[in-house]
Amino acid sequence: MIIEKGMKKLSDHFFLAIPVPEHVAVGLQQTADSLKLYVSYKRWTGPQDFHITLFFFGAINDDKRLKLIQSVREIAQQTALFRVTLSGIDGFGDKQQPRVLFASLDHSQELTALRERIGNVLADIGFDLETRAFHPHITIAKRWDQGAFQHSLPKGDYTRDSQSWEVSHVALFAVRPGQKPQYQSVADFPFQKE
């Protein structure tokens, strides 16, 4: 069963993602607070906004959004629960001043396969999808400000390598600039397969 959360227009921009459970978000927020002592970013992700992006769409008209919802619901109903595990902190761009700071994840065949199945269906219904390789991660901060990531970051395991969780659903999010949370789930797609 799909859980729709008011399909009124919240934003012109949508994305499909795996939400991060609260206990993991708390740990990631503690990590972010520790990192703030050493590096500065213009935008830090709030704990309620942590997620693993599968696809970013931008604007979607109502017809296409309904097709997306139906297609993802069908895939979710055929998907079994699976686990993902945090593996460390990394960055995109210059390693000393990464433009995006993120928590990386161990490779998950199930996550990669889920994204591929969804991507194939979305391409069939007319979505233009990202062509870059999929690099699953959870953004902690964006827009480098100052500091030196590689040289001043203290040694330590900020994500507790053993921290993992069971993924039970994906969600369609609308972007709500200037609000907290900034990303509002408008439809949840729980996995049904036993």
N, C-alpha and C. Protein backbone atom coordinates (compact mmCIF):
# COMPACT_ATOMS: atom_id res chain seq x y z
N MET A 1 0.84 -1.18 0.00
CA MET A 1 0.00 0.00 0.00
C MET A 1 0.88 1.25 0.00
N ILE A 2 0.56 2.19 -0.83
CA ILE A 2 1.29 3.46 -0.89
C ILE A 2 0.70 4.42 0.13
N ILE A 3 1.55 5.17 0.77
CA ILE A 3 1.09 6.16 1.73
C ILE A 3 1.35 7.52 1.11
N GLU A 4 0.30 8.19 0.71
CA GLU A 4 0.45 9.51 0.11
C GLU A 4 0.25 10.55 1.19
N LYS A 5 1.07 11.56 1.18
CA LYS A 5 1.05 12.57 2.21
C LYS A 5 0.67 13.91 1.64
N GLY A 6 -0.53 13.99 1.10
CA GLY A 6 -0.99 15.27 0.55
C GLY A 6 -0.27 15.62 -0.72
N MET A 7 -0.85 15.31 -1.84
CA MET A 7 -0.18 15.54 -3.11
C MET A 7 -0.29 16.98 -3.60
N LYS A 8 -0.66 17.89 -2.69
CA LYS A 8 -0.65 19.29 -3.10
C LYS A 8 0.76 19.70 -3.48
N LYS A 9 0.87 20.67 -4.31
CA LYS A 9 2.17 21.09 -4.81
C LYS A 9 2.97 21.78 -3.71
N LEU A 10 4.04 21.13 -3.27
CA LEU A 10 4.91 21.68 -2.24
C LEU A 10 6.11 22.39 -2.87
N SER A 11 6.51 21.93 -4.03
CA SER A 11 7.68 22.46 -4.70
C SER A 11 7.65 21.95 -6.13
N ASP A 12 8.41 22.58 -6.98
CA ASP A 12 8.56 22.09 -8.34
C ASP A 12 9.63 21.01 -8.43
N HIS A 13 10.34 20.76 -7.34
CA HIS A 13 11.46 19.83 -7.37
C HIS A 13 11.22 18.63 -6.48
N PHE A 14 11.47 17.45 -7.07
CA PHE A 14 11.25 16.19 -6.38
C PHE A 14 12.47 15.29 -6.52
N PHE A 15 12.62 14.37 -5.58
CA PHE A 15 13.63 13.33 -5.71
C PHE A 15 13.16 12.07 -5.01
N LEU A 16 13.70 10.94 -5.45
CA LEU A 16 13.38 9.64 -4.87
C LEU A 16 14.57 9.23 -4.02
N ALA A 17 14.31 8.81 -2.77
CA ALA A 17 15.42 8.53 -1.86
C ALA A 17 15.04 7.49 -0.82
N ILE A 18 16.06 7.00 -0.16
CA ILE A 18 15.89 6.13 1.01
C ILE A 18 16.08 7.01 2.24
N PRO A 19 15.05 7.13 3.06
CA PRO A 19 15.19 7.92 4.28
C PRO A 19 16.17 7.24 5.25
N VAL A 20 16.82 8.05 6.07
CA VAL A 20 17.73 7.53 7.10
C VAL A 20 16.95 7.47 8.40
N PRO A 21 16.97 6.32 9.09
CA PRO A 21 16.22 6.22 10.35
C PRO A 21 16.79 7.14 11.42
N GLU A 22 15.96 7.45 12.39
CA GLU A 22 16.32 8.44 13.41
C GLU A 22 17.59 8.08 14.16
N HIS A 23 17.77 6.82 14.54
CA HIS A 23 18.97 6.45 15.32
C HIS A 23 20.25 6.66 14.51
N VAL A 24 20.19 6.48 13.21
CA VAL A 24 21.36 6.73 12.35
C VAL A 24 21.55 8.23 12.18
N ALA A 25 20.44 8.97 12.01
CA ALA A 25 20.52 10.43 11.86
C ALA A 25 21.15 11.07 13.09
N VAL A 26 20.85 10.56 14.27
CA VAL A 26 21.45 11.10 15.50
C VAL A 26 22.96 10.92 15.47
N GLY A 27 23.41 9.73 15.07
CA GLY A 27 24.86 9.49 14.96
C GLY A 27 25.52 10.37 13.92
N LEU A 28 24.84 10.56 12.78
CA LEU A 28 25.40 11.43 11.74
C LEU A 28 25.45 12.89 12.20
N GLN A 29 24.46 13.31 12.98
CA GLN A 29 24.47 14.68 13.50
C GLN A 29 25.63 14.86 14.48
N GLN A 30 25.91 13.86 15.29
CA GLN A 30 27.06 13.92 16.19
C GLN A 30 28.36 14.01 15.40
N THR A 31 28.43 13.25 14.31
CA THR A 31 29.58 13.32 13.42
C THR A 31 29.74 14.73 12.85
N ALA A 32 28.63 15.29 12.36
CA ALA A 32 28.66 16.65 11.80
C ALA A 32 29.12 17.65 12.85
N ASP A 33 28.61 17.54 14.06
CA ASP A 33 29.01 18.47 15.12
C ASP A 33 30.51 18.38 15.40
N SER A 34 31.08 17.17 15.36
CA SER A 34 32.52 17.01 15.55
C SER A 34 33.30 17.63 14.40
N LEU A 35 32.81 17.44 13.19
CA LEU A 35 33.51 17.95 12.01
C LEU A 35 33.48 19.48 11.96
N LYS A 36 32.45 20.09 12.52
CA LYS A 36 32.34 21.55 12.51
C LYS A 36 33.47 22.22 13.26
N LEU A 37 34.16 21.48 14.10
CA LEU A 37 35.31 22.03 14.82
C LEU A 37 36.51 22.22 13.90
N TYR A 38 36.50 21.56 12.75
CA TYR A 38 37.67 21.54 11.87
C TYR A 38 37.44 22.11 10.49
N VAL A 39 36.23 22.05 10.02
CA VAL A 39 35.92 22.55 8.68
C VAL A 39 34.65 23.36 8.71
N SER A 40 34.50 24.23 7.72
CA SER A 40 33.33 25.10 7.67
C SER A 40 32.67 24.98 6.30
N TYR A 41 31.35 24.77 6.33
CA TYR A 41 30.54 24.72 5.12
C TYR A 41 29.42 25.73 5.24
N LYS A 42 28.94 26.19 4.11
CA LYS A 42 27.84 27.17 4.12
C LYS A 42 26.51 26.50 4.43
N ARG A 43 26.40 25.19 4.14
CA ARG A 43 25.13 24.50 4.39
C ARG A 43 25.39 23.12 4.98
N TRP A 44 24.89 22.92 6.20
CA TRP A 44 24.96 21.63 6.87
C TRP A 44 23.58 20.99 6.82
N THR A 45 23.52 19.70 6.53
CA THR A 45 22.26 18.99 6.46
C THR A 45 21.72 18.76 7.87
N GLY A 46 20.46 19.08 8.08
CA GLY A 46 19.82 18.81 9.37
C GLY A 46 19.52 17.33 9.50
N PRO A 47 19.46 16.81 10.72
CA PRO A 47 19.26 15.37 10.92
C PRO A 47 17.96 14.84 10.31
N GLN A 48 16.94 15.66 10.24
CA GLN A 48 15.66 15.22 9.66
C GLN A 48 15.72 15.16 8.13
N ASP A 49 16.80 15.68 7.53
CA ASP A 49 16.92 15.70 6.07
C ASP A 49 17.93 14.69 5.52
N PHE A 50 18.57 13.89 6.38
CA PHE A 50 19.52 12.89 5.90
C PHE A 50 18.78 11.84 5.06
N HIS A 51 19.37 11.46 3.93
CA HIS A 51 18.77 10.48 3.03
C HIS A 51 19.83 9.98 2.05
N ILE A 52 19.50 8.92 1.35
CA ILE A 52 20.33 8.39 0.26
C ILE A 52 19.55 8.63 -1.03
N THR A 53 20.00 9.56 -1.84
CA THR A 53 19.29 9.88 -3.08
C THR A 53 19.44 8.75 -4.09
N LEU A 54 18.32 8.35 -4.66
CA LEU A 54 18.33 7.40 -5.78
C LEU A 54 18.26 8.15 -7.10
N PHE A 55 17.31 9.09 -7.20
CA PHE A 55 17.16 9.90 -8.42
C PHE A 55 16.66 11.29 -8.04
N PHE A 56 17.27 12.32 -8.64
CA PHE A 56 16.78 13.68 -8.50
C PHE A 56 16.07 14.03 -9.80
N PHE A 57 14.86 14.59 -9.70
CA PHE A 57 14.07 14.84 -10.90
C PHE A 57 13.93 16.31 -11.26
N GLY A 58 14.01 17.19 -10.31
CA GLY A 58 13.65 18.57 -10.60
C GLY A 58 12.13 18.67 -10.67
N ALA A 59 11.64 19.49 -11.58
CA ALA A 59 10.19 19.67 -11.73
C ALA A 59 9.57 18.44 -12.39
N ILE A 60 8.38 18.05 -11.92
CA ILE A 60 7.64 16.94 -12.51
C ILE A 60 6.18 17.36 -12.63
N ASN A 61 5.61 17.22 -13.82
CA ASN A 61 4.18 17.54 -13.95
C ASN A 61 3.35 16.45 -13.27
N ASP A 62 2.08 16.75 -13.02
CA ASP A 62 1.21 15.84 -12.26
C ASP A 62 1.08 14.47 -12.92
N ASP A 63 0.92 14.42 -14.24
CA ASP A 63 0.76 13.15 -14.94
C ASP A 63 1.99 12.27 -14.77
N LYS A 64 3.14 12.85 -14.97
CA LYS A 64 4.38 12.09 -14.85
C LYS A 64 4.61 11.65 -13.40
N ARG A 65 4.26 12.51 -12.47
CA ARG A 65 4.42 12.16 -11.04
C ARG A 65 3.54 10.96 -10.69
N LEU A 66 2.31 10.93 -11.20
CA LEU A 66 1.43 9.80 -10.93
C LEU A 66 1.97 8.50 -11.54
N LYS A 67 2.54 8.59 -12.73
CA LYS A 67 3.16 7.41 -13.35
C LYS A 67 4.35 6.94 -12.53
N LEU A 68 5.14 7.89 -12.04
CA LEU A 68 6.28 7.56 -11.19
C LEU A 68 5.80 6.83 -9.94
N ILE A 69 4.78 7.37 -9.29
CA ILE A 69 4.26 6.78 -8.05
C ILE A 69 3.77 5.35 -8.31
N GLN A 70 3.02 5.13 -9.37
CA GLN A 70 2.52 3.80 -9.68
C GLN A 70 3.67 2.83 -9.95
N SER A 71 4.64 3.26 -10.73
CA SER A 71 5.76 2.40 -11.09
C SER A 71 6.61 2.03 -9.88
N VAL A 72 6.93 3.01 -9.05
CA VAL A 72 7.77 2.74 -7.88
C VAL A 72 7.00 1.88 -6.87
N ARG A 73 5.71 2.09 -6.74
CA ARG A 73 4.90 1.25 -5.84
C ARG A 73 5.00 -0.21 -6.26
N GLU A 74 4.89 -0.47 -7.57
CA GLU A 74 4.96 -1.85 -8.06
C GLU A 74 6.32 -2.48 -7.79
N ILE A 75 7.38 -1.70 -7.99
CA ILE A 75 8.73 -2.22 -7.72
C ILE A 75 8.90 -2.48 -6.22
N ALA A 76 8.43 -1.57 -5.38
CA ALA A 76 8.55 -1.74 -3.93
C ALA A 76 7.84 -3.01 -3.47
N GLN A 77 6.71 -3.30 -4.06
CA GLN A 77 5.96 -4.49 -3.67
C GLN A 77 6.70 -5.79 -4.02
N GLN A 78 7.69 -5.69 -4.89
CA GLN A 78 8.48 -6.86 -5.29
C GLN A 78 9.87 -6.85 -4.66
N THR A 79 10.09 -5.95 -3.71
CA THR A 79 11.42 -5.77 -3.12
C THR A 79 11.43 -6.26 -1.67
N ALA A 80 12.46 -7.02 -1.34
CA ALA A 80 12.64 -7.49 0.03
C ALA A 80 13.47 -6.47 0.82
N LEU A 81 13.30 -6.49 2.14
CA LEU A 81 14.13 -5.65 3.00
C LEU A 81 15.60 -6.00 2.80
N PHE A 82 16.48 -5.01 2.94
CA PHE A 82 17.92 -5.27 2.86
C PHE A 82 18.63 -4.30 3.78
N ARG A 83 19.89 -4.59 4.08
CA ARG A 83 20.68 -3.76 5.00
C ARG A 83 21.68 -2.91 4.24
N VAL A 84 21.95 -1.72 4.77
CA VAL A 84 23.04 -0.87 4.30
C VAL A 84 23.89 -0.49 5.51
N THR A 85 25.18 -0.21 5.26
CA THR A 85 26.12 0.05 6.34
C THR A 85 26.97 1.27 6.02
N LEU A 86 27.07 2.17 6.97
CA LEU A 86 27.95 3.32 6.83
C LEU A 86 29.40 2.86 6.87
N SER A 87 30.26 3.50 6.07
CA SER A 87 31.65 3.05 6.02
C SER A 87 32.67 4.15 6.31
N GLY A 88 32.29 5.41 6.37
CA GLY A 88 33.26 6.46 6.65
C GLY A 88 32.80 7.81 6.15
N ILE A 89 33.71 8.78 6.25
CA ILE A 89 33.45 10.14 5.80
C ILE A 89 34.34 10.41 4.59
N ASP A 90 33.78 11.04 3.58
CA ASP A 90 34.53 11.34 2.37
C ASP A 90 33.99 12.63 1.78
N GLY A 91 34.52 13.03 0.62
CA GLY A 91 34.06 14.26 0.00
C GLY A 91 34.16 14.19 -1.51
N PHE A 92 33.33 14.97 -2.18
CA PHE A 92 33.41 15.12 -3.63
C PHE A 92 34.22 16.36 -3.93
N GLY A 93 35.06 16.27 -4.93
CA GLY A 93 35.88 17.41 -5.33
C GLY A 93 37.26 17.33 -4.69
N ASP A 94 37.90 18.47 -4.55
CA ASP A 94 39.23 18.58 -3.96
C ASP A 94 39.23 17.92 -2.58
N LYS A 95 40.13 16.98 -2.36
CA LYS A 95 40.15 16.23 -1.10
C LYS A 95 40.47 17.10 0.12
N GLN A 96 41.18 18.22 -0.09
CA GLN A 96 41.47 19.12 1.03
C GLN A 96 40.34 20.11 1.28
N GLN A 97 39.55 20.38 0.25
CA GLN A 97 38.42 21.30 0.36
C GLN A 97 37.24 20.75 -0.43
N PRO A 98 36.70 19.60 -0.02
CA PRO A 98 35.62 18.99 -0.80
C PRO A 98 34.38 19.87 -0.84
N ARG A 99 33.77 19.97 -2.01
CA ARG A 99 32.57 20.80 -2.14
C ARG A 99 31.38 20.17 -1.45
N VAL A 100 31.39 18.82 -1.32
CA VAL A 100 30.35 18.10 -0.60
C VAL A 100 31.03 17.12 0.36
N LEU A 101 30.61 17.16 1.60
CA LEU A 101 31.10 16.24 2.63
C LEU A 101 29.99 15.22 2.88
N PHE A 102 30.33 13.93 2.89
CA PHE A 102 29.28 12.92 3.01
C PHE A 102 29.73 11.70 3.79
N ALA A 103 28.74 10.95 4.27
CA ALA A 103 28.97 9.64 4.85
C ALA A 103 28.84 8.63 3.72
N SER A 104 29.87 7.83 3.54
CA SER A 104 29.83 6.82 2.48
C SER A 104 29.22 5.53 3.02
N LEU A 105 28.86 4.66 2.09
CA LEU A 105 28.25 3.38 2.45
C LEU A 105 29.05 2.24 1.84
N ASP A 106 29.06 1.11 2.55
CA ASP A 106 29.61 -0.10 1.96
C ASP A 106 28.80 -0.45 0.71
N HIS A 107 29.44 -1.14 -0.22
CA HIS A 107 28.72 -1.57 -1.42
C HIS A 107 27.55 -2.46 -1.02
N SER A 108 26.41 -2.22 -1.63
CA SER A 108 25.21 -3.04 -1.42
C SER A 108 24.66 -3.44 -2.77
N GLN A 109 24.74 -4.71 -3.07
CA GLN A 109 24.21 -5.22 -4.33
C GLN A 109 22.70 -4.97 -4.42
N GLU A 110 22.01 -5.10 -3.28
CA GLU A 110 20.56 -4.90 -3.26
C GLU A 110 20.20 -3.45 -3.57
N LEU A 111 20.95 -2.52 -3.01
CA LEU A 111 20.70 -1.10 -3.27
C LEU A 111 20.95 -0.77 -4.74
N THR A 112 22.06 -1.25 -5.27
CA THR A 112 22.39 -1.01 -6.67
C THR A 112 21.32 -1.62 -7.59
N ALA A 113 20.88 -2.82 -7.28
CA ALA A 113 19.86 -3.49 -8.11
C ALA A 113 18.52 -2.75 -8.03
N LEU A 114 18.15 -2.27 -6.84
CA LEU A 114 16.91 -1.51 -6.69
C LEU A 114 16.95 -0.26 -7.54
N ARG A 115 18.05 0.48 -7.47
CA ARG A 115 18.16 1.70 -8.27
C ARG A 115 18.09 1.40 -9.76
N GLU A 116 18.73 0.32 -10.17
CA GLU A 116 18.70 -0.04 -11.58
C GLU A 116 17.29 -0.39 -12.05
N ARG A 117 16.56 -1.17 -11.23
CA ARG A 117 15.18 -1.54 -11.60
C ARG A 117 14.31 -0.29 -11.72
N ILE A 118 14.42 0.59 -10.74
CA ILE A 118 13.62 1.82 -10.78
C ILE A 118 14.03 2.68 -11.98
N GLY A 119 15.32 2.80 -12.22
CA GLY A 119 15.81 3.61 -13.34
C GLY A 119 15.31 3.12 -14.68
N ASN A 120 15.28 1.80 -14.88
CA ASN A 120 14.79 1.24 -16.14
C ASN A 120 13.33 1.60 -16.37
N VAL A 121 12.52 1.51 -15.33
CA VAL A 121 11.09 1.83 -15.45
C VAL A 121 10.90 3.33 -15.68
N LEU A 122 11.64 4.14 -14.95
CA LEU A 122 11.50 5.60 -15.11
C LEU A 122 11.92 6.05 -16.51
N ALA A 123 12.96 5.44 -17.05
CA ALA A 123 13.38 5.77 -18.42
C ALA A 123 12.26 5.42 -19.41
N ASP A 124 11.60 4.29 -19.16
CA ASP A 124 10.51 3.87 -20.04
C ASP A 124 9.33 4.85 -20.03
N ILE A 125 9.12 5.54 -18.90
CA ILE A 125 7.99 6.48 -18.86
C ILE A 125 8.41 7.92 -19.15
N GLY A 126 9.67 8.08 -19.61
CA GLY A 126 10.07 9.37 -20.14
C GLY A 126 10.91 10.27 -19.25
N PHE A 127 11.47 9.73 -18.17
CA PHE A 127 12.34 10.55 -17.33
C PHE A 127 13.74 10.58 -17.91
N ASP A 128 14.36 11.77 -17.90
CA ASP A 128 15.77 11.91 -18.26
C ASP A 128 16.56 11.69 -16.98
N LEU A 129 17.35 10.64 -16.94
CA LEU A 129 18.05 10.27 -15.72
C LEU A 129 19.53 10.60 -15.79
N GLU A 130 20.10 10.79 -14.63
CA GLU A 130 21.54 11.06 -14.47
C GLU A 130 22.34 9.94 -15.13
N THR A 131 23.39 10.32 -15.84
CA THR A 131 24.21 9.31 -16.52
C THR A 131 25.49 8.99 -15.75
N ARG A 132 25.81 9.78 -14.73
CA ARG A 132 26.99 9.49 -13.93
C ARG A 132 26.79 8.19 -13.15
N ALA A 133 27.90 7.56 -12.79
CA ALA A 133 27.83 6.33 -12.00
C ALA A 133 27.17 6.62 -10.65
N PHE A 134 26.41 5.67 -10.17
CA PHE A 134 25.72 5.79 -8.88
C PHE A 134 26.74 5.65 -7.76
N HIS A 135 26.79 6.63 -6.89
CA HIS A 135 27.69 6.62 -5.73
C HIS A 135 26.84 6.91 -4.50
N PRO A 136 26.23 5.87 -3.90
CA PRO A 136 25.32 6.11 -2.78
C PRO A 136 26.05 6.74 -1.59
N HIS A 137 25.42 7.76 -1.02
CA HIS A 137 26.03 8.48 0.10
C HIS A 137 24.95 9.28 0.82
N ILE A 138 25.31 9.81 1.97
CA ILE A 138 24.43 10.67 2.74
C ILE A 138 25.15 12.01 2.91
N THR A 139 24.62 13.06 2.30
CA THR A 139 25.27 14.37 2.36
C THR A 139 25.20 14.92 3.78
N ILE A 140 26.36 15.34 4.28
CA ILE A 140 26.46 15.96 5.61
C ILE A 140 26.54 17.47 5.47
N ALA A 141 27.30 17.95 4.47
CA ALA A 141 27.47 19.39 4.29
C ALA A 141 27.78 19.69 2.83
N LYS A 142 27.45 20.92 2.40
CA LYS A 142 27.71 21.38 1.03
C LYS A 142 28.29 22.78 1.06
N ARG A 143 28.91 23.12 -0.05
CA ARG A 143 29.41 24.48 -0.29
C ARG A 143 30.52 24.84 0.70
N TRP A 144 31.70 24.36 0.37
CA TRP A 144 32.91 24.59 1.16
C TRP A 144 33.05 26.05 1.54
N ASP A 145 33.46 26.30 2.79
CA ASP A 145 33.69 27.66 3.25
C ASP A 145 35.16 27.85 3.62
N GLN A 146 35.63 27.11 4.63
CA GLN A 146 37.03 27.25 5.04
C GLN A 146 37.46 26.06 5.89
N GLY A 147 38.76 25.98 6.15
CA GLY A 147 39.34 24.87 6.91
C GLY A 147 40.13 23.98 5.98
N ALA A 148 40.62 22.88 6.50
CA ALA A 148 41.38 21.92 5.70
C ALA A 148 40.95 20.52 6.08
N PHE A 149 40.11 19.94 5.29
CA PHE A 149 39.51 18.64 5.60
C PHE A 149 40.55 17.57 5.87
N GLN A 150 41.48 17.40 4.94
CA GLN A 150 42.40 16.28 5.04
C GLN A 150 43.43 16.47 6.15
N HIS A 151 43.88 17.67 6.35
CA HIS A 151 44.98 17.88 7.30
C HIS A 151 44.51 18.17 8.72
N SER A 152 43.36 18.78 8.90
CA SER A 152 42.97 19.13 10.26
C SER A 152 41.91 18.19 10.84
N LEU A 153 41.38 17.29 10.03
CA LEU A 153 40.37 16.37 10.53
C LEU A 153 41.03 15.37 11.48
N PRO A 154 40.55 15.28 12.71
CA PRO A 154 41.17 14.35 13.66
C PRO A 154 40.92 12.90 13.25
N LYS A 155 41.83 12.03 13.66
CA LYS A 155 41.67 10.61 13.36
C LYS A 155 40.50 10.08 14.17
N GLY A 156 39.84 9.09 13.66
CA GLY A 156 38.73 8.50 14.39
C GLY A 156 37.67 8.01 13.43
N ASP A 157 36.83 7.16 13.94
CA ASP A 157 35.76 6.58 13.13
C ASP A 157 34.46 7.26 13.49
N TYR A 158 34.11 8.29 12.73
CA TYR A 158 32.95 9.09 13.08
C TYR A 158 31.62 8.45 12.75
N THR A 159 31.63 7.46 11.87
CA THR A 159 30.35 6.86 11.52
C THR A 159 30.15 5.51 12.18
N ARG A 160 31.04 5.10 13.04
CA ARG A 160 30.93 3.78 13.68
C ARG A 160 30.67 2.74 12.60
N ASP A 161 31.77 2.28 12.01
CA ASP A 161 31.71 1.39 10.84
C ASP A 161 30.66 0.30 10.93
N SER A 162 30.36 -0.15 12.13
CA SER A 162 29.40 -1.25 12.25
C SER A 162 27.96 -0.75 12.16
N GLN A 163 27.75 0.55 12.07
CA GLN A 163 26.38 1.07 12.06
C GLN A 163 25.71 0.75 10.73
N SER A 164 24.64 -0.01 10.83
CA SER A 164 23.87 -0.36 9.65
C SER A 164 22.40 -0.37 10.01
N TRP A 165 21.57 -0.41 8.99
CA TRP A 165 20.13 -0.48 9.24
C TRP A 165 19.45 -1.21 8.10
N GLU A 166 18.24 -1.64 8.40
CA GLU A 166 17.44 -2.36 7.42
C GLU A 166 16.59 -1.36 6.64
N VAL A 167 16.75 -1.38 5.34
CA VAL A 167 15.99 -0.49 4.47
C VAL A 167 14.64 -1.16 4.20
N SER A 168 13.57 -0.45 4.53
CA SER A 168 12.23 -1.04 4.40
C SER A 168 11.35 -0.32 3.38
N HIS A 169 11.84 0.82 2.87
CA HIS A 169 11.03 1.55 1.90
C HIS A 169 11.85 2.64 1.23
N VAL A 170 11.28 3.19 0.16
CA VAL A 170 11.80 4.39 -0.47
C VAL A 170 10.71 5.44 -0.38
N ALA A 171 11.06 6.69 -0.63
CA ALA A 171 10.08 7.77 -0.54
C ALA A 171 10.33 8.79 -1.64
N LEU A 172 9.24 9.42 -2.06
CA LEU A 172 9.30 10.55 -2.98
C LEU A 172 9.28 11.81 -2.12
N PHE A 173 10.28 12.66 -2.28
CA PHE A 173 10.39 13.88 -1.50
C PHE A 173 10.18 15.11 -2.38
N ALA A 174 9.56 16.12 -1.80
CA ALA A 174 9.47 17.44 -2.42
C ALA A 174 10.43 18.35 -1.67
N VAL A 175 11.10 19.24 -2.41
CA VAL A 175 12.03 20.19 -1.80
C VAL A 175 11.24 21.40 -1.33
N ARG A 176 11.45 21.78 -0.07
CA ARG A 176 10.76 22.93 0.52
C ARG A 176 11.82 23.93 1.01
N PRO A 177 12.36 24.75 0.12
CA PRO A 177 13.43 25.68 0.51
C PRO A 177 13.01 26.58 1.68
N GLY A 178 13.96 26.77 2.59
CA GLY A 178 13.74 27.67 3.71
C GLY A 178 12.92 27.08 4.84
N GLN A 179 12.49 25.84 4.74
CA GLN A 179 11.70 25.22 5.80
C GLN A 179 12.48 24.08 6.44
N LYS A 180 12.07 23.69 7.64
CA LYS A 180 12.67 22.54 8.32
C LYS A 180 11.56 21.57 8.67
N PRO A 181 11.64 20.34 8.22
CA PRO A 181 12.68 19.84 7.33
C PRO A 181 12.56 20.44 5.93
N GLN A 182 13.68 20.48 5.25
CA GLN A 182 13.69 21.04 3.89
C GLN A 182 13.11 20.06 2.88
N TYR A 183 13.21 18.77 3.19
CA TYR A 183 12.71 17.74 2.29
C TYR A 183 11.49 17.08 2.92
N GLN A 184 10.35 17.17 2.24
CA GLN A 184 9.09 16.64 2.74
C GLN A 184 8.73 15.39 1.96
N SER A 185 8.54 14.28 2.68
CA SER A 185 8.09 13.05 2.03
C SER A 185 6.63 13.22 1.61
N VAL A 186 6.36 13.03 0.32
CA VAL A 186 4.99 13.15 -0.18
C VAL A 186 4.38 11.80 -0.54
N ALA A 187 5.21 10.76 -0.63
CA ALA A 187 4.71 9.41 -0.88
C ALA A 187 5.75 8.40 -0.40
N ASP A 188 5.31 7.41 0.37
CA ASP A 188 6.19 6.34 0.84
C ASP A 188 5.85 5.07 0.09
N PHE A 189 6.89 4.27 -0.20
CA PHE A 189 6.72 3.03 -0.94
C PHE A 189 7.33 1.89 -0.12
N PRO A 190 6.55 1.30 0.79
CA PRO A 190 7.08 0.23 1.63
C PRO A 190 7.34 -1.05 0.83
N PHE A 191 8.41 -1.73 1.20
CA PHE A 191 8.72 -3.00 0.56
C PHE A 191 7.73 -4.04 1.08
N GLN A 192 7.25 -4.91 0.19
CA GLN A 192 6.24 -5.89 0.54
C GLN A 192 6.72 -7.33 0.47
N LYS A 193 7.74 -7.57 -0.31
CA LYS A 193 8.17 -8.95 -0.56
C LYS A 193 8.71 -9.58 0.73
N GLU A 194 8.28 -10.78 1.01
CA GLU A 194 8.74 -11.51 2.20
C GLU A 194 9.97 -12.32 1.86
